[in-house]
Amino acid sequence: MNALPRASKTPGRPREAILAPYRIEQLLDDPRLTALTDFAAALCGAPAAFVSLVTDDDQYFIARTGTEDRQSSLQRGFCVHAMGSTDLLVINDATLDSYFRDNCLVTGEEKVRFYAGAPLISLEGNSLGALCVIDQQPRDGLTDLQTKGLSTLAQAVMTLFEAHRLLITEQAETRLAKSQRDDSSQRFDVLADSMPQMVWSTRPDGLPDYFNARWYEFTGALEGSTEGDQWTSVFHPDDQERSWATWNNAVTTGNAYEIEYRLRHRNGDYRWVLGRALPMRDPNGRIVRWFGTCTDIHDQKVASDQRELVAQELSHRIKNIFAVISGLISVSSRQHPEIKFVADDLRDRVNALGKAHDFVRPNDGALRSRHDQSSLHKMLEELLAPYKSASGERIVISGDDPGIDDRSATPLALLFHELGTNAAKYGALSSEHGRVALTSRIEGNETILEWQETGGPKVSTPPLKGFGSRLIAMSVEQQLGGTIERKWLVDGLRAIVKIPTNAVRRPDARQTAAKSVISA
């Protein structure tokens, strides 16, 4: 007797196409189906029962009770007729039925007389076969309980079939997803290994479980030897605690990770690298992985340190030049008293330049610790300190505090030195009750600085433009690419300075790059 064929081998045929998704051959002689045929036979008091599935050529009995037959031709079968109805097909005596009385199952040794079959209907409405009982004795049909019971058992058979089809579908989807993951993983490995950087990834808890080939090539470590908590074994001992603290903070907060540290090269030397990482999140925002890179920046860092040493030496010499110039001015002033007024102004301007230079290029630890090197407000406080009262109320600096750099510090220092000096000589600061309010704000791509004097001598006409005025205009317009508007109000001068923000402080290249990585 032939086994049930794999219907999926011929999906172009109508019946095979219907049966193919169920993979019925996997349910052949399934004990769960046999239990149902046993129950059907006992319920109906019949000697035989079976689950019959109809293909384009034959009908197959994948579960049976009271018979060893596994298949029958369509010409001989009763079930092909039972499956054509939505109700039970009941034949009380096949010898009296004009359609079945000449069937070989009736006239032959099987001597089938009674038949009852409930169709097996799929969720889509397709009939797969029937759950049947047979007897060699004619009968008066089924009782109501037997009728309902046989229909219920047929539904139980279809429930099992549908569950098996769902399992087959899920298994196929799982295999497809695994295949896609394997393919994606292979592509990621190829892409990561082709990059010049060291690439790594970690679990959500921050412990690494992947390094690309470049990592092992750089460190010379054995594959897998630096995963988990062994990661920092190749870090410089002086950098391990700091690196772990920075990394743990990123894992805890979910913020981007960026740090410079030293890694042991395969030749035994330690080289500086830039470590960066970003989290990957699921649709609910939970971190599922971290992906990071290490970029060898040793040569650039060494060159940067060398440039810093040269810059510090140049800064020291420039300070000496300012001191020498200031000294020469003082000597000339003593030798020529008639130029003392001019000499004092010139010396003050040189000193203002020196303070601006100290602020953006501090060349010793004391200055570095004392100054916020990127704060405009801090520099203005240094420049205008000689004009403040003991309480500091004469000059109030407020508003946004834009960052400055070495390019903008000098013209800004000259600008506010001139405004402060003029206020002290002729304006609000020349009066005991005079005040200056200096506010700054950032609007879009523009930084706006306002200088407002009050409480000083009454102003009737604007003063004549002299060297100081030209110096102010040169600082703002030519060096910073901005504009200045001066209004000589009754209460005092109001100056409005507008400067492009990128002229106040140049964008930091590394910060810009980091922002690009994070947004990607």
Protein backbone atom coordinates (compact mmCIF):
# COMPACT_ATOMS: atom_id res chain seq x y z
CA MET A 1 0.00 0.00 0.00
CA ASN A 2 1.38 3.40 -0.98
CA ALA A 3 2.06 6.11 1.60
CA LEU A 4 0.32 9.46 1.31
CA PRO A 5 2.08 11.48 -1.43
CA ARG A 6 3.53 14.94 -0.77
CA ALA A 7 0.82 17.11 -2.27
CA SER A 8 3.17 20.09 -2.56
CA LYS A 9 5.12 18.32 -5.32
CA THR A 10 2.35 19.14 -7.80
CA PRO A 11 0.96 22.49 -6.67
CA GLY A 12 -0.43 23.22 -10.12
CA ARG A 13 -3.21 20.62 -9.69
CA PRO A 14 -6.34 21.95 -7.93
CA ARG A 15 -6.66 19.41 -5.09
CA GLU A 16 -2.91 19.26 -4.44
CA ALA A 17 -2.78 23.07 -4.27
CA ILE A 18 -5.49 23.06 -1.59
CA LEU A 19 -3.80 20.34 0.49
CA ALA A 20 -0.21 21.56 0.07
CA PRO A 21 -0.16 24.16 2.93
CA TYR A 22 -1.24 21.51 5.46
CA ARG A 23 1.68 19.15 4.82
CA ILE A 24 -0.74 16.30 5.60
CA GLU A 25 1.94 13.63 5.15
CA GLN A 26 3.38 14.80 8.49
CA LEU A 27 0.10 13.79 10.19
CA LEU A 28 -0.08 10.27 8.78
CA ASP A 29 -1.14 7.91 11.62
CA ASP A 30 -0.98 10.79 14.08
CA PRO A 31 -2.27 9.42 17.42
CA ARG A 32 -4.41 12.52 17.94
CA LEU A 33 -6.31 11.77 14.72
CA THR A 34 -6.52 8.06 15.54
CA ALA A 35 -8.11 8.97 18.89
CA LEU A 36 -10.77 10.88 16.97
CA THR A 37 -11.54 7.96 14.63
CA ASP A 38 -11.69 5.61 17.63
CA PHE A 39 -14.18 7.95 19.27
CA ALA A 40 -16.23 8.28 16.05
CA ALA A 41 -16.48 4.49 15.69
CA ALA A 42 -17.47 4.05 19.33
CA LEU A 43 -19.97 6.93 19.20
CA CYS A 44 -21.72 5.56 16.12
CA GLY A 45 -21.35 1.86 17.09
CA ALA A 46 -19.56 1.24 13.79
CA PRO A 47 -16.78 -1.30 13.21
CA ALA A 48 -14.67 1.14 11.15
CA ALA A 49 -13.96 4.86 10.93
CA PHE A 50 -11.34 6.90 9.11
CA VAL A 51 -10.19 10.40 8.13
CA SER A 52 -10.20 10.55 4.35
CA LEU A 53 -8.45 13.22 2.25
CA VAL A 54 -9.22 13.53 -1.44
CA THR A 55 -6.58 14.38 -4.05
CA ASP A 56 -7.03 14.73 -7.79
CA ASP A 57 -6.49 10.99 -8.24
CA ASP A 58 -7.24 9.10 -5.04
CA GLN A 59 -8.50 9.33 -1.50
CA TYR A 60 -6.10 8.65 1.37
CA PHE A 61 -6.93 7.49 4.88
CA ILE A 62 -4.41 9.27 7.11
CA ALA A 63 -6.08 8.00 10.29
CA ARG A 64 -8.27 4.89 10.60
CA THR A 65 -9.94 2.54 13.04
CA GLY A 66 -11.04 -1.01 12.16
CA THR A 67 -9.35 -1.14 8.75
CA GLU A 68 -5.81 -1.46 7.36
CA ASP A 69 -6.58 0.25 4.07
CA ARG A 70 -4.69 3.50 3.48
CA GLN A 71 -6.16 4.59 0.17
CA SER A 72 -8.91 3.99 -2.34
CA SER A 73 -9.66 5.09 -5.87
CA LEU A 74 -12.04 7.95 -6.42
CA GLN A 75 -14.33 5.68 -8.43
CA ARG A 76 -14.79 3.43 -5.41
CA GLY A 77 -14.91 6.10 -2.73
CA PHE A 78 -17.90 7.37 -0.81
CA CYS A 79 -16.03 10.30 0.73
CA VAL A 80 -15.69 12.25 -2.49
CA HIS A 81 -19.47 12.58 -2.36
CA ALA A 82 -19.58 13.39 1.34
CA MET A 83 -17.13 16.27 0.94
CA GLY A 84 -19.38 17.87 -1.66
CA SER A 85 -21.95 18.80 0.97
CA THR A 86 -21.95 20.98 4.03
CA ASP A 87 -24.03 18.41 5.94
CA LEU A 88 -23.48 14.78 6.78
CA LEU A 89 -23.88 12.27 3.98
CA VAL A 90 -25.73 9.22 5.39
CA ILE A 91 -26.43 6.06 3.34
CA ASN A 92 -28.52 3.56 5.33
CA ASP A 93 -28.24 0.67 2.88
CA ALA A 94 -25.94 1.04 -0.11
CA THR A 95 -27.55 -1.96 -1.88
CA LEU A 96 -30.76 0.05 -2.14
CA ASP A 97 -29.03 3.25 -3.32
CA SER A 98 -29.16 3.61 -7.10
CA TYR A 99 -25.81 5.40 -7.18
CA PHE A 100 -23.78 3.12 -4.90
CA ARG A 101 -25.34 -0.33 -5.27
CA ASP A 102 -23.00 -1.29 -8.12
CA ASN A 103 -19.89 0.08 -6.31
CA CYS A 104 -17.24 -2.63 -5.86
CA LEU A 105 -17.02 -1.74 -2.16
CA VAL A 106 -20.68 -2.79 -1.95
CA THR A 107 -20.58 -5.81 -4.26
CA GLY A 108 -17.07 -7.00 -3.25
CA GLU A 109 -15.70 -8.58 -0.12
CA GLU A 110 -15.84 -5.29 1.84
CA LYS A 111 -19.69 -5.52 1.68
CA VAL A 112 -20.21 -1.91 2.73
CA ARG A 113 -23.82 -1.29 3.56
CA PHE A 114 -23.96 1.70 5.91
CA TYR A 115 -21.94 4.92 5.45
CA ALA A 116 -21.97 8.27 7.27
CA GLY A 117 -19.47 11.03 6.48
CA ALA A 118 -18.98 14.59 7.77
CA PRO A 119 -17.10 16.94 5.38
CA LEU A 120 -13.80 18.51 6.46
CA ILE A 121 -14.10 22.20 5.56
CA SER A 122 -11.10 24.58 5.74
CA LEU A 123 -11.22 28.18 7.01
CA GLU A 124 -11.31 29.31 3.37
CA GLY A 125 -14.34 27.09 2.65
CA ASN A 126 -12.43 24.41 0.76
CA SER A 127 -13.43 20.78 1.37
CA LEU A 128 -10.43 18.56 2.09
CA GLY A 129 -12.16 15.23 2.64
CA ALA A 130 -14.41 13.63 5.26
CA LEU A 131 -14.54 11.94 8.67
CA CYS A 132 -16.46 8.71 7.97
CA VAL A 133 -17.86 5.61 9.69
CA ILE A 134 -18.90 2.43 7.82
CA ASP A 135 -20.72 -0.78 8.68
CA GLN A 136 -21.39 -4.05 6.86
CA GLN A 137 -24.95 -4.03 8.20
CA PRO A 138 -27.73 -1.76 6.99
CA ARG A 139 -28.92 0.76 9.59
CA ASP A 140 -31.72 3.21 10.18
CA GLY A 141 -29.40 6.21 10.17
CA LEU A 142 -27.82 8.04 13.13
CA THR A 143 -29.35 9.39 16.29
CA ASP A 144 -29.31 13.13 16.91
CA LEU A 145 -26.45 12.66 19.39
CA GLN A 146 -24.45 10.64 16.86
CA THR A 147 -25.12 13.21 14.13
CA LYS A 148 -24.00 16.14 16.26
CA GLY A 149 -21.09 14.15 17.68
CA LEU A 150 -19.77 13.16 14.23
CA SER A 151 -19.98 16.78 13.05
CA THR A 152 -18.17 17.94 16.20
CA LEU A 153 -15.43 15.36 15.68
CA ALA A 154 -15.03 16.54 12.08
CA GLN A 155 -14.54 20.09 13.40
CA ALA A 156 -11.93 18.74 15.85
CA VAL A 157 -10.09 17.14 12.91
CA MET A 158 -10.07 20.48 11.08
CA THR A 159 -8.89 22.31 14.21
CA LEU A 160 -5.92 19.97 14.32
CA PHE A 161 -5.29 20.47 10.59
CA GLU A 162 -5.46 24.27 10.90
CA ALA A 163 -3.13 24.27 13.90
CA HIS A 164 -0.67 22.16 11.91
CA ARG A 165 -0.93 24.52 8.93
CA LEU A 166 -0.25 27.49 11.22
CA LEU A 167 2.77 25.69 12.66
CA ILE A 168 4.07 24.99 9.16
CA THR A 169 3.61 28.65 8.22
CA GLU A 170 5.37 29.86 11.37
CA GLN A 171 8.24 27.44 10.80
CA ALA A 172 8.59 28.68 7.22
CA GLU A 173 8.56 32.29 8.38
CA THR A 174 11.12 31.48 11.08
CA ARG A 175 13.39 29.82 8.53
CA LEU A 176 13.01 32.79 6.20
CA ALA A 177 13.72 35.26 9.00
CA LYS A 178 16.75 33.24 10.09
CA SER A 179 17.97 33.13 6.52
CA GLN A 180 17.54 36.89 6.23
CA ARG A 181 19.31 37.43 9.57
CA ASP A 182 22.14 35.17 8.51
CA ASP A 183 22.40 37.05 5.22
CA SER A 184 22.30 40.43 7.01
CA SER A 185 24.86 39.23 9.53
CA GLN A 186 27.17 38.08 6.76
CA ARG A 187 26.79 41.41 4.97
CA PHE A 188 27.49 43.29 8.20
CA ASP A 189 30.63 41.21 8.80
CA VAL A 190 31.89 41.92 5.27
CA LEU A 191 31.10 45.63 5.60
CA ALA A 192 32.67 45.90 9.08
CA ASP A 193 35.82 44.06 8.02
CA SER A 194 36.21 46.35 5.01
CA MET A 195 36.30 49.49 7.19
CA PRO A 196 39.61 51.03 8.27
CA GLN A 197 38.23 51.53 11.81
CA MET A 198 37.90 48.94 14.52
CA VAL A 199 34.19 48.07 14.75
CA TRP A 200 32.52 46.47 17.77
CA SER A 201 29.11 45.85 19.24
CA THR A 202 27.76 45.05 22.69
CA ARG A 203 24.68 43.64 24.32
CA PRO A 204 22.27 46.10 26.00
CA ASP A 205 24.17 45.64 29.27
CA GLY A 206 27.31 47.07 27.63
CA LEU A 207 29.42 43.89 27.47
CA PRO A 208 31.00 43.42 24.00
CA ASP A 209 30.23 40.30 21.98
CA TYR A 210 31.61 41.26 18.56
CA PHE A 211 34.80 42.79 17.17
CA ASN A 212 35.68 43.05 13.50
CA ALA A 213 38.88 41.79 11.93
CA ARG A 214 40.50 45.23 12.22
CA TRP A 215 40.29 45.06 16.04
CA TYR A 216 42.17 41.76 16.21
CA GLU A 217 44.62 42.98 13.58
CA PHE A 218 45.35 46.12 15.62
CA THR A 219 45.52 44.55 19.08
CA GLY A 220 47.01 41.20 18.07
CA ALA A 221 44.59 39.55 20.55
CA LEU A 222 43.21 36.07 19.95
CA GLU A 223 39.70 36.04 18.51
CA GLY A 224 37.13 36.09 21.32
CA SER A 225 39.71 36.84 24.02
CA THR A 226 38.55 40.44 24.53
CA GLU A 227 34.79 39.85 24.65
CA GLY A 228 32.71 40.37 27.77
CA ASP A 229 34.44 41.95 30.76
CA GLN A 230 37.89 41.26 29.23
CA TRP A 231 37.38 44.20 26.89
CA THR A 232 39.56 46.70 28.74
CA SER A 233 42.48 44.31 29.13
CA VAL A 234 44.07 46.00 26.11
CA PHE A 235 43.46 49.54 27.47
CA HIS A 236 46.33 51.49 28.98
CA PRO A 237 46.24 50.95 32.78
CA ASP A 238 45.95 54.71 33.36
CA ASP A 239 42.90 54.90 31.06
CA GLN A 240 40.92 51.86 32.23
CA GLU A 241 39.03 53.43 35.14
CA ARG A 242 38.17 56.57 33.20
CA SER A 243 37.09 54.60 30.13
CA TRP A 244 34.86 52.26 32.15
CA ALA A 245 33.25 55.20 33.95
CA THR A 246 32.48 56.97 30.66
CA TRP A 247 31.15 53.78 29.07
CA ASN A 248 28.98 52.86 32.07
CA ASN A 249 27.50 56.36 32.04
CA ALA A 250 26.56 55.96 28.34
CA VAL A 251 25.01 52.51 28.95
CA THR A 252 23.04 53.84 31.94
CA THR A 253 21.77 57.02 30.26
CA GLY A 254 21.58 55.87 26.65
CA ASN A 255 23.61 58.90 25.55
CA ALA A 256 26.16 58.76 22.75
CA TYR A 257 29.60 57.54 23.82
CA GLU A 258 32.81 59.35 22.87
CA ILE A 259 36.22 59.22 24.52
CA GLU A 260 39.92 59.17 23.71
CA TYR A 261 42.08 56.47 25.31
CA ARG A 262 45.15 54.40 24.60
CA LEU A 263 45.00 50.84 23.25
CA ARG A 264 47.85 48.36 23.29
CA HIS A 265 49.05 47.79 19.74
CA ARG A 266 50.16 44.33 18.63
CA ASN A 267 53.79 45.54 18.79
CA GLY A 268 53.39 46.31 22.51
CA ASP A 269 53.18 50.11 22.19
CA TYR A 270 50.10 52.05 23.30
CA ARG A 271 48.40 54.20 20.68
CA TRP A 272 45.69 56.82 21.10
CA VAL A 273 42.29 55.98 19.62
CA LEU A 274 38.96 57.77 19.47
CA GLY A 275 36.12 55.55 20.70
CA ARG A 276 32.54 56.30 19.67
CA ALA A 277 29.28 54.37 20.04
CA LEU A 278 25.54 54.83 19.53
CA PRO A 279 22.64 52.70 20.81
CA MET A 280 20.19 50.85 18.55
CA ARG A 281 16.64 50.89 19.94
CA ASP A 282 13.49 48.84 19.32
CA PRO A 283 10.14 50.48 18.42
CA ASN A 284 9.45 50.95 22.16
CA GLY A 285 12.69 52.87 22.66
CA ARG A 286 14.51 50.11 24.53
CA ILE A 287 18.19 49.69 23.73
CA VAL A 288 18.80 46.33 22.03
CA ARG A 289 22.43 46.77 20.99
CA TRP A 290 25.32 49.22 20.94
CA PHE A 291 27.47 49.72 17.87
CA GLY A 292 30.81 51.46 18.14
CA THR A 293 34.11 52.21 16.44
CA CYS A 294 37.69 52.87 17.48
CA THR A 295 39.71 55.13 15.20
CA ASP A 296 43.49 55.33 15.44
CA ILE A 297 44.28 59.02 16.08
CA HIS A 298 47.75 58.53 17.55
CA ASP A 299 49.67 60.34 14.81
CA GLN A 300 47.22 63.26 14.76
CA LYS A 301 47.31 63.54 18.54
CA VAL A 302 51.09 63.53 18.68
CA ALA A 303 51.17 66.21 15.96
CA SER A 304 48.51 68.21 17.84
CA ASP A 305 50.53 68.04 21.06
CA GLN A 306 53.59 69.26 19.19
CA ARG A 307 51.61 72.14 17.70
CA GLU A 308 50.32 73.01 21.18
CA LEU A 309 53.88 73.21 22.49
CA VAL A 310 54.83 75.54 19.64
CA ALA A 311 51.66 77.62 20.23
CA GLN A 312 52.44 77.95 23.93
CA GLU A 313 55.97 79.10 23.14
CA LEU A 314 54.64 81.63 20.63
CA SER A 315 52.03 82.78 23.14
CA HIS A 316 54.72 83.32 25.75
CA ARG A 317 56.79 85.36 23.34
CA ILE A 318 53.77 87.44 22.28
CA LYS A 319 53.09 88.24 25.93
CA ASN A 320 56.69 89.37 26.24
CA ILE A 321 56.26 91.57 23.17
CA PHE A 322 53.14 93.19 24.75
CA ALA A 323 55.15 93.81 27.92
CA VAL A 324 58.05 95.29 25.96
CA ILE A 325 55.75 97.58 23.96
CA SER A 326 53.99 98.73 27.12
CA GLY A 327 57.37 99.40 28.70
CA LEU A 328 58.58 101.39 25.69
CA ILE A 329 55.44 103.50 25.78
CA SER A 330 55.97 104.23 29.49
CA VAL A 331 59.62 105.21 28.88
CA SER A 332 58.66 107.47 25.97
CA SER A 333 55.94 109.07 28.08
CA ARG A 334 58.39 109.92 30.85
CA GLN A 335 60.89 111.36 28.39
CA HIS A 336 58.19 113.36 26.60
CA PRO A 337 55.58 114.47 29.11
CA GLU A 338 53.69 116.30 26.40
CA ILE A 339 52.57 112.96 24.89
CA LYS A 340 51.54 111.38 28.19
CA PHE A 341 47.83 111.55 27.37
CA VAL A 342 48.33 109.74 24.05
CA ALA A 343 50.80 107.31 25.61
CA ASP A 344 48.38 106.36 28.36
CA ASP A 345 45.63 105.62 25.82
CA LEU A 346 48.00 103.54 23.71
CA ARG A 347 49.31 101.63 26.72
CA ASP A 348 45.74 100.85 27.84
CA ARG A 349 44.94 99.47 24.40
CA VAL A 350 48.03 97.30 24.40
CA ASN A 351 47.10 96.01 27.85
CA ALA A 352 43.58 95.23 26.59
CA LEU A 353 45.09 93.21 23.77
CA GLY A 354 47.25 91.40 26.28
CA LYS A 355 44.23 90.48 28.40
CA ALA A 356 42.36 89.20 25.34
CA HIS A 357 45.38 87.14 24.37
CA ASP A 358 45.70 85.74 27.91
CA PHE A 359 42.05 84.83 27.87
CA VAL A 360 41.94 82.75 24.70
CA ARG A 361 45.55 81.51 24.79
CA PRO A 362 46.42 80.87 28.49
CA ASN A 363 49.88 79.36 28.57
CA ASP A 364 50.07 78.17 32.14
CA GLY A 365 47.99 76.13 34.56
CA ALA A 366 47.02 79.05 36.76
CA LEU A 367 45.45 80.93 33.89
CA ARG A 368 43.71 77.82 32.59
CA SER A 369 42.13 77.17 35.96
CA ARG A 370 41.07 80.80 36.41
CA HIS A 371 39.50 81.44 33.04
CA ASP A 372 36.60 79.97 31.13
CA GLN A 373 38.37 80.24 27.80
CA SER A 374 35.25 80.27 25.65
CA SER A 375 33.08 82.76 27.60
CA LEU A 376 32.51 86.25 26.27
CA HIS A 377 31.05 87.37 29.60
CA LYS A 378 34.13 86.25 31.51
CA MET A 379 36.41 88.16 29.18
CA LEU A 380 34.27 91.29 29.47
CA GLU A 381 34.37 91.06 33.25
CA GLU A 382 38.19 90.97 33.06
CA LEU A 383 38.35 93.93 30.68
CA LEU A 384 35.80 96.10 32.48
CA ALA A 385 36.86 95.24 36.04
CA PRO A 386 38.78 98.57 36.50
CA TYR A 387 35.54 100.51 35.91
CA LYS A 388 33.32 98.58 38.30
CA SER A 389 32.39 99.68 41.79
CA ALA A 390 33.21 97.50 44.79
CA SER A 391 29.76 95.96 44.59
CA GLY A 392 30.03 95.52 40.82
CA GLU A 393 26.71 97.29 40.26
CA ARG A 394 28.04 99.99 37.91
CA ILE A 395 28.43 97.51 35.04
CA VAL A 396 25.91 94.66 34.67
CA ILE A 397 26.55 91.97 32.07
CA SER A 398 23.58 89.70 31.25
CA GLY A 399 21.92 87.57 28.55
CA ASP A 400 23.25 84.73 26.43
CA ASP A 401 26.94 83.98 26.85
CA PRO A 402 28.20 83.16 23.35
CA GLY A 403 31.46 81.32 22.98
CA ILE A 404 34.48 83.14 21.57
CA ASP A 405 37.75 81.98 20.06
CA ASP A 406 41.20 83.39 19.33
CA ARG A 407 40.01 85.01 16.11
CA SER A 408 37.23 87.10 17.68
CA ALA A 409 38.77 87.83 21.09
CA THR A 410 41.09 90.64 19.90
CA PRO A 411 38.53 92.78 18.01
CA LEU A 412 35.92 92.24 20.76
CA ALA A 413 38.45 93.25 23.40
CA LEU A 414 39.34 96.42 21.46
CA LEU A 415 35.64 97.23 20.93
CA PHE A 416 34.64 97.04 24.59
CA HIS A 417 37.88 98.56 25.82
CA GLU A 418 37.10 101.65 23.72
CA LEU A 419 33.46 101.76 24.90
CA GLY A 420 34.54 101.37 28.52
CA THR A 421 37.29 103.96 28.26
CA ASN A 422 35.00 106.49 26.57
CA ALA A 423 32.30 105.87 29.17
CA ALA A 424 34.81 106.47 31.94
CA LYS A 425 36.10 109.69 30.35
CA TYR A 426 32.99 111.26 28.90
CA GLY A 427 29.98 109.02 29.52
CA ALA A 428 28.05 107.24 32.24
CA LEU A 429 31.09 105.89 34.11
CA SER A 430 32.44 109.42 34.55
CA SER A 431 29.57 110.08 36.93
CA GLU A 432 29.21 108.59 40.41
CA HIS A 433 25.67 107.41 39.68
CA GLY A 434 26.27 106.30 36.11
CA ARG A 435 25.54 102.76 35.03
CA VAL A 436 26.22 100.52 32.03
CA ALA A 437 23.98 97.58 31.05
CA LEU A 438 25.64 95.19 28.64
CA THR A 439 23.34 92.49 27.25
CA SER A 440 23.98 89.81 24.68
CA ARG A 441 21.65 87.46 22.87
CA ILE A 442 21.79 84.99 20.03
CA GLU A 443 19.09 85.22 17.38
CA GLY A 444 19.38 82.62 14.66
CA ASN A 445 22.81 82.96 13.07
CA GLU A 446 23.45 86.39 14.58
CA THR A 447 24.89 87.49 17.93
CA ILE A 448 23.58 90.86 19.14
CA LEU A 449 25.43 92.90 21.78
CA GLU A 450 23.84 96.00 23.34
CA TRP A 451 25.73 98.65 25.36
CA GLN A 452 23.40 101.02 27.21
CA GLU A 453 24.69 103.89 29.37
CA THR A 454 22.46 105.71 31.87
CA GLY A 455 22.95 108.25 34.64
CA GLY A 456 25.86 110.06 33.02
CA PRO A 457 26.23 113.59 31.73
CA LYS A 458 23.45 114.74 29.45
CA VAL A 459 24.29 114.26 25.79
CA SER A 460 23.25 117.00 23.40
CA THR A 461 25.29 116.27 20.30
CA PRO A 462 27.32 113.25 19.18
CA PRO A 463 31.05 113.62 19.85
CA LEU A 464 33.44 114.05 16.97
CA LYS A 465 34.73 110.88 15.41
CA GLY A 466 38.31 110.22 16.39
CA PHE A 467 40.79 107.35 16.38
CA GLY A 468 38.72 105.40 18.92
CA SER A 469 35.65 105.55 16.72
CA ARG A 470 37.61 104.35 13.71
CA LEU A 471 39.10 101.54 15.85
CA ILE A 472 35.60 100.45 16.91
CA ALA A 473 34.36 100.45 13.31
CA MET A 474 37.43 98.53 12.13
CA SER A 475 37.01 95.90 14.87
CA VAL A 476 33.32 95.29 14.23
CA GLU A 477 32.94 95.78 10.50
CA GLN A 478 36.26 94.70 9.01
CA GLN A 479 37.48 92.05 11.42
CA LEU A 480 34.17 90.51 12.52
CA GLY A 481 32.04 91.24 9.46
CA GLY A 482 29.31 92.86 11.58
CA THR A 483 27.59 96.19 12.02
CA ILE A 484 27.44 98.77 14.83
CA GLU A 485 24.75 101.38 15.39
CA ARG A 486 25.35 104.12 17.96
CA LYS A 487 22.50 106.26 19.30
CA TRP A 488 23.37 109.31 21.39
CA LEU A 489 20.34 109.48 23.66
CA VAL A 490 19.83 112.06 26.38
CA ASP A 491 20.61 109.52 29.10
CA GLY A 492 23.70 108.23 27.36
CA LEU A 493 25.11 106.17 24.54
CA ARG A 494 23.29 103.13 23.23
CA ALA A 495 25.40 100.94 20.94
CA ILE A 496 23.93 97.92 19.12
CA VAL A 497 26.47 95.51 17.65
CA LYS A 498 25.37 92.68 15.34
CA ILE A 499 27.92 90.01 14.44
CA PRO A 500 27.54 86.66 12.58
CA THR A 501 27.69 83.97 15.26
CA ASN A 502 30.21 81.93 13.30
CA ALA A 503 32.50 84.97 13.38
CA VAL A 504 32.29 85.07 17.18
CA ARG A 505 33.25 81.39 17.48
CA ARG A 506 34.15 79.06 14.64
CA PRO A 507 32.24 75.74 14.62
CA ASP A 508 34.24 72.97 16.25
CA ALA A 509 35.00 70.39 13.54
CA ARG A 510 34.94 67.41 15.87
CA GLN A 511 31.66 68.45 17.48
CA THR A 512 30.11 68.90 14.04
CA ALA A 513 31.26 65.42 13.01
CA ALA A 514 29.90 63.90 16.22
CA LYS A 515 26.51 65.52 15.66
CA SER A 516 26.45 64.10 12.12
CA VAL A 517 27.13 60.59 13.41
CA ILE A 518 24.43 60.84 16.07
CA SER A 519 21.76 62.10 13.67
CA ALA A 520 22.61 59.36 11.17
